[in-house]
Structures are given as structure tokens and as C-alpha cells.
N, C-alpha and C. Protein backbone atom coordinates (compact mmCIF):
# COMPACT_ATOMS: atom_id res chain seq x y z
N MET A 1 0.85 -1.18 0.00
CA MET A 1 0.00 0.00 0.00
C MET A 1 0.88 1.23 0.00
N GLY A 2 0.32 2.33 -0.44
CA GLY A 2 1.04 3.59 -0.46
C GLY A 2 0.05 4.73 -0.54
N ASN A 3 0.56 5.91 -0.67
CA ASN A 3 -0.28 7.10 -0.77
C ASN A 3 -0.01 7.79 -2.10
N ASP A 4 -1.07 8.32 -2.72
CA ASP A 4 -0.85 9.16 -3.88
C ASP A 4 -0.65 10.59 -3.41
N GLN A 5 -0.58 11.52 -4.34
CA GLN A 5 -0.30 12.91 -3.98
C GLN A 5 -1.41 13.52 -3.13
N ALA A 6 -2.63 13.02 -3.29
CA ALA A 6 -3.75 13.55 -2.52
C ALA A 6 -3.86 12.90 -1.14
N GLY A 7 -3.03 11.89 -0.87
CA GLY A 7 -3.04 11.24 0.43
C GLY A 7 -3.97 10.06 0.52
N HIS A 8 -4.55 9.62 -0.59
CA HIS A 8 -5.43 8.45 -0.59
C HIS A 8 -4.61 7.17 -0.53
N LYS A 9 -5.09 6.21 0.24
CA LYS A 9 -4.42 4.90 0.31
C LYS A 9 -4.77 4.09 -0.94
N TRP A 10 -3.82 3.34 -1.46
CA TRP A 10 -4.07 2.47 -2.61
C TRP A 10 -3.20 1.25 -2.52
N LYS A 11 -3.62 0.19 -3.21
CA LYS A 11 -2.86 -1.05 -3.28
C LYS A 11 -2.45 -1.28 -4.73
N PHE A 12 -1.49 -2.18 -4.95
CA PHE A 12 -1.10 -2.50 -6.31
C PHE A 12 -2.31 -3.04 -7.06
N GLY A 13 -2.47 -2.65 -8.30
CA GLY A 13 -3.62 -3.04 -9.10
C GLY A 13 -4.75 -2.04 -8.98
N ASP A 14 -4.68 -1.17 -8.00
CA ASP A 14 -5.69 -0.13 -7.81
C ASP A 14 -4.95 1.21 -7.77
N MET A 15 -4.15 1.45 -8.79
CA MET A 15 -3.29 2.62 -8.79
C MET A 15 -4.10 3.88 -9.10
N PRO A 16 -3.70 5.01 -8.55
CA PRO A 16 -4.43 6.25 -8.80
C PRO A 16 -4.21 6.72 -10.24
N ARG A 17 -5.19 7.36 -10.76
CA ARG A 17 -5.12 7.88 -12.13
C ARG A 17 -4.95 9.39 -12.16
N SER A 18 -4.91 10.03 -11.03
CA SER A 18 -4.78 11.48 -11.00
C SER A 18 -3.31 11.88 -11.16
N GLY A 19 -3.10 13.06 -11.66
CA GLY A 19 -1.75 13.59 -11.77
C GLY A 19 -1.06 13.26 -13.07
N GLY A 20 -1.56 12.33 -13.86
CA GLY A 20 -0.94 11.98 -15.13
C GLY A 20 -1.55 12.78 -16.26
N HIS A 21 -0.88 12.76 -17.39
CA HIS A 21 -1.43 13.43 -18.56
C HIS A 21 -1.15 12.58 -19.80
N VAL A 22 -2.08 12.62 -20.71
CA VAL A 22 -1.94 11.89 -21.97
C VAL A 22 -2.16 12.89 -23.08
N GLN A 23 -1.25 12.89 -24.07
CA GLN A 23 -1.37 13.79 -25.20
C GLN A 23 -1.49 12.99 -26.48
N PHE A 24 -2.39 13.42 -27.32
CA PHE A 24 -2.60 12.79 -28.61
C PHE A 24 -2.10 13.76 -29.67
N GLY A 25 -0.85 13.59 -30.11
CA GLY A 25 -0.27 14.50 -31.08
C GLY A 25 0.20 13.78 -32.32
N GLY A 26 -0.46 12.70 -32.72
CA GLY A 26 -0.02 11.92 -33.86
C GLY A 26 -0.59 12.39 -35.18
N LYS A 27 -1.07 13.63 -35.22
CA LYS A 27 -1.69 14.13 -36.44
C LYS A 27 -0.73 14.22 -37.62
N PRO A 28 0.53 14.64 -37.43
CA PRO A 28 1.44 14.64 -38.58
C PRO A 28 1.70 13.25 -39.14
N ALA A 29 1.86 12.27 -38.29
CA ALA A 29 2.07 10.90 -38.76
C ALA A 29 0.82 10.37 -39.45
N ALA A 30 -0.35 10.70 -38.92
CA ALA A 30 -1.60 10.27 -39.55
C ALA A 30 -1.76 10.92 -40.91
N LEU A 31 -1.40 12.19 -41.00
CA LEU A 31 -1.51 12.91 -42.28
C LEU A 31 -0.57 12.32 -43.32
N ILE A 32 0.63 11.99 -42.91
CA ILE A 32 1.59 11.37 -43.84
C ILE A 32 1.07 10.01 -44.30
N GLY A 33 0.50 9.24 -43.40
CA GLY A 33 -0.07 7.94 -43.76
C GLY A 33 -1.23 8.07 -44.72
N VAL A 34 -2.10 9.04 -44.49
CA VAL A 34 -3.24 9.26 -45.38
C VAL A 34 -2.75 9.70 -46.76
N LEU A 35 -1.79 10.61 -46.79
CA LEU A 35 -1.24 11.05 -48.08
C LEU A 35 -0.54 9.90 -48.80
N GLY A 36 0.19 9.08 -48.06
CA GLY A 36 0.86 7.92 -48.67
C GLY A 36 -0.12 6.91 -49.21
N GLY A 37 -1.19 6.64 -48.46
CA GLY A 37 -2.21 5.71 -48.93
C GLY A 37 -2.92 6.22 -50.17
N THR A 38 -3.19 7.52 -50.19
CA THR A 38 -3.83 8.12 -51.37
C THR A 38 -2.89 8.05 -52.56
N ALA A 39 -1.62 8.33 -52.33
CA ALA A 39 -0.64 8.29 -53.43
C ALA A 39 -0.51 6.87 -53.99
N ILE A 40 -0.54 5.88 -53.12
CA ILE A 40 -0.46 4.49 -53.59
C ILE A 40 -1.70 4.14 -54.41
N ALA A 41 -2.88 4.50 -53.89
CA ALA A 41 -4.13 4.16 -54.59
C ALA A 41 -4.20 4.84 -55.95
N VAL A 42 -3.91 6.12 -56.00
CA VAL A 42 -4.00 6.87 -57.27
C VAL A 42 -2.83 6.54 -58.18
N GLY A 43 -1.62 6.47 -57.60
CA GLY A 43 -0.42 6.25 -58.41
C GLY A 43 -0.39 4.89 -59.08
N LEU A 44 -0.65 3.83 -58.32
CA LEU A 44 -0.65 2.50 -58.92
C LEU A 44 -1.77 2.33 -59.95
N SER A 45 -2.91 2.93 -59.69
CA SER A 45 -4.00 2.87 -60.66
C SER A 45 -3.62 3.60 -61.95
N ALA A 46 -3.02 4.77 -61.80
CA ALA A 46 -2.62 5.53 -62.99
C ALA A 46 -1.53 4.80 -63.77
N LEU A 47 -0.55 4.24 -63.06
CA LEU A 47 0.50 3.50 -63.76
C LEU A 47 -0.05 2.28 -64.49
N THR A 48 -1.01 1.62 -63.86
CA THR A 48 -1.62 0.46 -64.50
C THR A 48 -2.40 0.87 -65.75
N LEU A 49 -3.11 1.98 -65.67
CA LEU A 49 -3.86 2.43 -66.84
C LEU A 49 -2.94 2.92 -67.95
N LEU A 50 -1.81 3.55 -67.58
CA LEU A 50 -0.89 4.09 -68.59
C LEU A 50 -0.06 3.00 -69.26
N TYR A 51 0.48 2.09 -68.48
CA TYR A 51 1.47 1.15 -69.01
C TYR A 51 1.03 -0.31 -68.97
N GLY A 52 -0.22 -0.59 -68.62
CA GLY A 52 -0.62 -1.98 -68.48
C GLY A 52 -1.53 -2.47 -69.58
N GLN A 53 -1.43 -1.91 -70.78
CA GLN A 53 -2.32 -2.32 -71.86
C GLN A 53 -2.10 -3.77 -72.27
N HIS A 54 -0.88 -4.26 -72.14
CA HIS A 54 -0.59 -5.63 -72.55
C HIS A 54 -1.06 -6.67 -71.53
N LEU A 55 -1.52 -6.24 -70.35
CA LEU A 55 -1.97 -7.16 -69.31
C LEU A 55 -3.35 -7.74 -69.60
N GLY A 56 -4.15 -7.04 -70.29
CA GLY A 56 -5.53 -7.48 -70.52
C GLY A 56 -6.47 -6.74 -69.57
N ALA A 57 -7.72 -6.67 -69.94
CA ALA A 57 -8.69 -5.87 -69.21
C ALA A 57 -8.94 -6.42 -67.80
N VAL A 58 -9.05 -7.73 -67.66
CA VAL A 58 -9.34 -8.32 -66.35
C VAL A 58 -8.17 -8.10 -65.39
N SER A 59 -6.95 -8.29 -65.86
CA SER A 59 -5.78 -8.09 -65.01
C SER A 59 -5.65 -6.63 -64.59
N GLU A 60 -5.93 -5.71 -65.51
CA GLU A 60 -5.87 -4.29 -65.17
C GLU A 60 -6.88 -3.94 -64.08
N VAL A 61 -8.08 -4.42 -64.23
CA VAL A 61 -9.13 -4.13 -63.25
C VAL A 61 -8.77 -4.71 -61.88
N ILE A 62 -8.25 -5.92 -61.86
CA ILE A 62 -7.85 -6.54 -60.59
C ILE A 62 -6.73 -5.75 -59.92
N ILE A 63 -5.72 -5.35 -60.69
CA ILE A 63 -4.61 -4.57 -60.13
C ILE A 63 -5.10 -3.23 -59.61
N ILE A 64 -5.97 -2.58 -60.35
CA ILE A 64 -6.50 -1.28 -59.92
C ILE A 64 -7.33 -1.42 -58.64
N ILE A 65 -8.17 -2.44 -58.57
CA ILE A 65 -8.98 -2.66 -57.37
C ILE A 65 -8.08 -2.95 -56.16
N LEU A 66 -7.07 -3.79 -56.34
CA LEU A 66 -6.15 -4.09 -55.24
C LEU A 66 -5.38 -2.84 -54.80
N ALA A 67 -4.95 -2.03 -55.77
CA ALA A 67 -4.22 -0.80 -55.43
C ALA A 67 -5.10 0.16 -54.64
N VAL A 68 -6.35 0.31 -55.06
CA VAL A 68 -7.26 1.22 -54.35
C VAL A 68 -7.56 0.67 -52.96
N LEU A 69 -7.81 -0.63 -52.85
CA LEU A 69 -8.08 -1.22 -51.53
C LEU A 69 -6.88 -1.09 -50.60
N PHE A 70 -5.67 -1.37 -51.11
CA PHE A 70 -4.47 -1.26 -50.27
C PHE A 70 -4.23 0.18 -49.85
N GLY A 71 -4.32 1.11 -50.78
CA GLY A 71 -4.11 2.52 -50.46
C GLY A 71 -5.15 3.05 -49.49
N ALA A 72 -6.42 2.69 -49.71
CA ALA A 72 -7.47 3.14 -48.80
C ALA A 72 -7.30 2.52 -47.42
N GLY A 73 -6.92 1.24 -47.38
CA GLY A 73 -6.69 0.59 -46.08
C GLY A 73 -5.55 1.24 -45.32
N LEU A 74 -4.47 1.54 -46.01
CA LEU A 74 -3.34 2.21 -45.37
C LEU A 74 -3.74 3.59 -44.86
N ALA A 75 -4.51 4.33 -45.64
CA ALA A 75 -4.94 5.66 -45.23
C ALA A 75 -5.86 5.59 -44.00
N ILE A 76 -6.78 4.64 -44.00
CA ILE A 76 -7.71 4.52 -42.88
C ILE A 76 -6.99 4.09 -41.61
N VAL A 77 -6.11 3.10 -41.73
CA VAL A 77 -5.38 2.62 -40.55
C VAL A 77 -4.48 3.73 -40.00
N SER A 78 -3.81 4.48 -40.86
CA SER A 78 -2.95 5.57 -40.40
C SER A 78 -3.76 6.65 -39.70
N ALA A 79 -4.91 6.99 -40.25
CA ALA A 79 -5.74 8.02 -39.63
C ALA A 79 -6.26 7.58 -38.27
N VAL A 80 -6.76 6.35 -38.18
CA VAL A 80 -7.31 5.86 -36.92
C VAL A 80 -6.22 5.75 -35.86
N LEU A 81 -5.09 5.15 -36.21
CA LEU A 81 -4.02 5.00 -35.22
C LEU A 81 -3.41 6.34 -34.84
N GLY A 82 -3.37 7.28 -35.76
CA GLY A 82 -2.87 8.62 -35.43
C GLY A 82 -3.77 9.34 -34.45
N ILE A 83 -5.05 9.03 -34.49
CA ILE A 83 -6.00 9.66 -33.57
C ILE A 83 -6.02 8.93 -32.23
N VAL A 84 -5.95 7.62 -32.25
CA VAL A 84 -6.18 6.81 -31.05
C VAL A 84 -4.95 6.64 -30.18
N ILE A 85 -3.78 6.42 -30.78
CA ILE A 85 -2.58 6.13 -30.01
C ILE A 85 -1.98 7.43 -29.47
N PRO A 86 -1.76 7.52 -28.16
CA PRO A 86 -1.16 8.73 -27.61
C PRO A 86 0.33 8.83 -27.92
N THR A 87 0.80 10.06 -28.10
CA THR A 87 2.22 10.26 -28.33
C THR A 87 2.96 10.43 -27.01
N THR A 88 2.28 10.91 -26.00
CA THR A 88 2.88 11.08 -24.67
C THR A 88 1.91 10.54 -23.64
N ALA A 89 2.40 9.69 -22.78
CA ALA A 89 1.59 9.18 -21.69
C ALA A 89 2.40 9.34 -20.41
N GLY A 90 2.47 10.56 -19.94
CA GLY A 90 3.23 10.85 -18.74
C GLY A 90 2.41 10.52 -17.52
N GLY A 91 3.01 9.86 -16.58
CA GLY A 91 2.29 9.44 -15.40
C GLY A 91 2.50 10.38 -14.25
N GLY A 92 1.61 10.29 -13.34
CA GLY A 92 1.76 11.00 -12.09
C GLY A 92 2.60 10.18 -11.14
N ASP A 93 2.36 10.32 -9.88
CA ASP A 93 3.07 9.55 -8.88
C ASP A 93 2.35 8.23 -8.68
N TYR A 94 2.54 7.28 -9.59
CA TYR A 94 1.86 6.00 -9.46
C TYR A 94 2.52 5.14 -8.39
N MET A 95 3.81 5.22 -8.27
CA MET A 95 4.53 4.43 -7.28
C MET A 95 5.09 5.36 -6.22
N PRO A 96 5.07 4.93 -4.99
CA PRO A 96 5.64 5.78 -3.95
C PRO A 96 7.16 5.87 -4.08
N LYS A 97 7.70 6.98 -3.66
CA LYS A 97 9.15 7.14 -3.64
C LYS A 97 9.70 6.35 -2.46
N ILE A 98 10.60 5.44 -2.72
CA ILE A 98 11.16 4.61 -1.65
C ILE A 98 12.41 5.30 -1.12
N LYS A 99 12.38 5.62 0.16
CA LYS A 99 13.53 6.25 0.79
C LYS A 99 14.49 5.22 1.35
N LYS A 100 13.94 4.16 1.94
CA LYS A 100 14.78 3.20 2.63
C LYS A 100 14.22 1.80 2.38
N LEU A 101 15.10 0.85 2.07
CA LEU A 101 14.68 -0.52 1.81
C LEU A 101 15.61 -1.46 2.56
N ASN A 102 15.04 -2.28 3.42
CA ASN A 102 15.80 -3.26 4.18
C ASN A 102 15.27 -4.65 3.90
N VAL A 103 16.17 -5.61 3.70
CA VAL A 103 15.79 -7.01 3.55
C VAL A 103 16.44 -7.77 4.70
N GLU A 104 15.61 -8.38 5.53
CA GLU A 104 16.11 -9.12 6.68
C GLU A 104 15.79 -10.59 6.51
N LYS A 105 16.71 -11.45 6.93
CA LYS A 105 16.48 -12.89 6.88
C LYS A 105 16.07 -13.35 8.27
N ASN A 106 14.92 -14.01 8.34
CA ASN A 106 14.41 -14.51 9.61
C ASN A 106 15.10 -15.82 9.98
N LYS A 107 14.90 -16.25 11.22
CA LYS A 107 15.51 -17.49 11.70
C LYS A 107 14.97 -18.71 10.96
N ASP A 108 13.72 -18.65 10.52
CA ASP A 108 13.12 -19.80 9.84
C ASP A 108 13.45 -19.83 8.35
N GLY A 109 14.30 -18.95 7.86
CA GLY A 109 14.74 -18.96 6.47
C GLY A 109 13.95 -18.03 5.56
N THR A 110 12.88 -17.44 6.06
CA THR A 110 12.11 -16.52 5.23
C THR A 110 12.76 -15.15 5.26
N LYS A 111 12.41 -14.35 4.26
CA LYS A 111 12.94 -12.99 4.21
C LYS A 111 11.83 -12.00 4.50
N ARG A 112 12.18 -10.90 5.11
CA ARG A 112 11.24 -9.85 5.40
C ARG A 112 11.78 -8.57 4.76
N VAL A 113 10.93 -7.97 3.93
CA VAL A 113 11.30 -6.74 3.24
C VAL A 113 10.59 -5.59 3.93
N HIS A 114 11.34 -4.58 4.31
CA HIS A 114 10.80 -3.40 5.00
C HIS A 114 11.19 -2.18 4.18
N LEU A 115 10.17 -1.41 3.76
CA LEU A 115 10.49 -0.20 3.01
C LEU A 115 9.81 1.00 3.61
N GLU A 116 10.48 2.13 3.47
CA GLU A 116 9.95 3.39 3.96
C GLU A 116 9.78 4.30 2.76
N THR A 117 8.55 4.81 2.58
CA THR A 117 8.26 5.66 1.43
C THR A 117 8.44 7.12 1.80
N GLY A 118 8.34 7.96 0.78
CA GLY A 118 8.55 9.40 0.98
C GLY A 118 7.52 10.04 1.88
N GLY A 119 6.32 9.47 1.97
CA GLY A 119 5.28 10.05 2.81
C GLY A 119 5.40 9.69 4.26
N GLY A 120 6.45 8.98 4.64
CA GLY A 120 6.62 8.59 6.02
C GLY A 120 5.97 7.26 6.34
N ASP A 121 5.29 6.65 5.37
CA ASP A 121 4.66 5.35 5.59
C ASP A 121 5.71 4.26 5.55
N THR A 122 5.47 3.22 6.31
CA THR A 122 6.35 2.06 6.25
C THR A 122 5.52 0.84 5.93
N GLU A 123 6.06 -0.04 5.14
CA GLU A 123 5.39 -1.27 4.75
C GLU A 123 6.34 -2.43 4.98
N THR A 124 5.78 -3.57 5.31
CA THR A 124 6.57 -4.77 5.53
C THR A 124 5.91 -5.92 4.79
N ALA A 125 6.72 -6.69 4.09
CA ALA A 125 6.21 -7.87 3.38
C ALA A 125 7.11 -9.04 3.70
N ALA A 126 6.52 -10.21 3.82
CA ALA A 126 7.29 -11.41 4.12
C ALA A 126 7.38 -12.28 2.89
N SER A 127 8.52 -12.92 2.72
CA SER A 127 8.72 -13.85 1.61
C SER A 127 8.97 -15.23 2.21
N SER A 128 8.31 -16.23 1.63
CA SER A 128 8.44 -17.58 2.19
C SER A 128 9.54 -18.37 1.53
N SER A 129 10.16 -17.85 0.48
CA SER A 129 11.17 -18.61 -0.24
C SER A 129 12.55 -18.04 0.01
N ASP A 130 13.51 -18.92 0.22
CA ASP A 130 14.88 -18.48 0.42
C ASP A 130 15.60 -18.31 -0.90
N ASN A 131 14.97 -18.72 -2.00
CA ASN A 131 15.59 -18.64 -3.32
C ASN A 131 15.57 -17.23 -3.91
N GLU A 132 14.75 -16.35 -3.34
CA GLU A 132 14.65 -15.00 -3.87
C GLU A 132 15.87 -14.20 -3.45
N THR A 133 16.29 -13.32 -4.31
CA THR A 133 17.44 -12.47 -4.01
C THR A 133 16.95 -11.21 -3.34
N GLY A 134 17.75 -10.63 -2.56
CA GLY A 134 17.35 -9.43 -1.84
C GLY A 134 18.34 -8.41 -2.07
């Protein structure tokens, strides 16, 4: 257990969400992806129409459809991921600052870990295995 900046008690797995910030600034990368997808869709279609006369009508249509689908898919994925994925996910004080950490070995072979956090709180945990390093 520990304290967050507001002094609330919390346990691992129930970490506080206050004090952190998340920024979504992937717009330039999303824009580049959208422009690249559009260029692929239009460029491959144009090249196929200009230089693919010897392929036959069915092959040209298939190549053009695949180029448009690939380019549109790339553009959509780039736009969505550029909007959804954060560029910065700075956290607050999720973990307490540990000032002092002691590992003691008990007579029965178990280890006891004692830590003192920045807020003046002390916590003690026991380990039942002697194989753990301290």
C-alpha cells in the first residue's frame, strides 16, 4: 500500500489515475499515412492504366482494385491509429518514492522486506522462499 499525492491509500492493481497526462499528437504521422495511402491508390491505378495495356482488361481491373483497396486501407489505418494512439503518456506519482529498503532474513529462512516511502509510511512484506534475491 502507499499514498498518492492527494493522500489516498491504494494497493497495487488499484493505482491512482490522477496527476498523469496523456497527449494525442499523432496528427502529422496520420496525415503522412493518409497522403501515402492516397498516393499508392491513385499512383498504382494511374501507372496500371498508362502502361498496363498488354496485361488485358481483367488483369488491369484486378490490379487497380487491389491498389485502391491497399491505399485506402493504409490511409484509414494511419488516420485511426494517429488519432487513437497517444504520443505522450506521462504518469503522475503511481509508485511511492522509496527512501529506505531493508531485507532481513528470519531465523526460519524466510525474508522480510521493510520499506519506507517518501510520505513517512512504512510497509513490511514477508517472503516464504529463500531462493529470492534481496
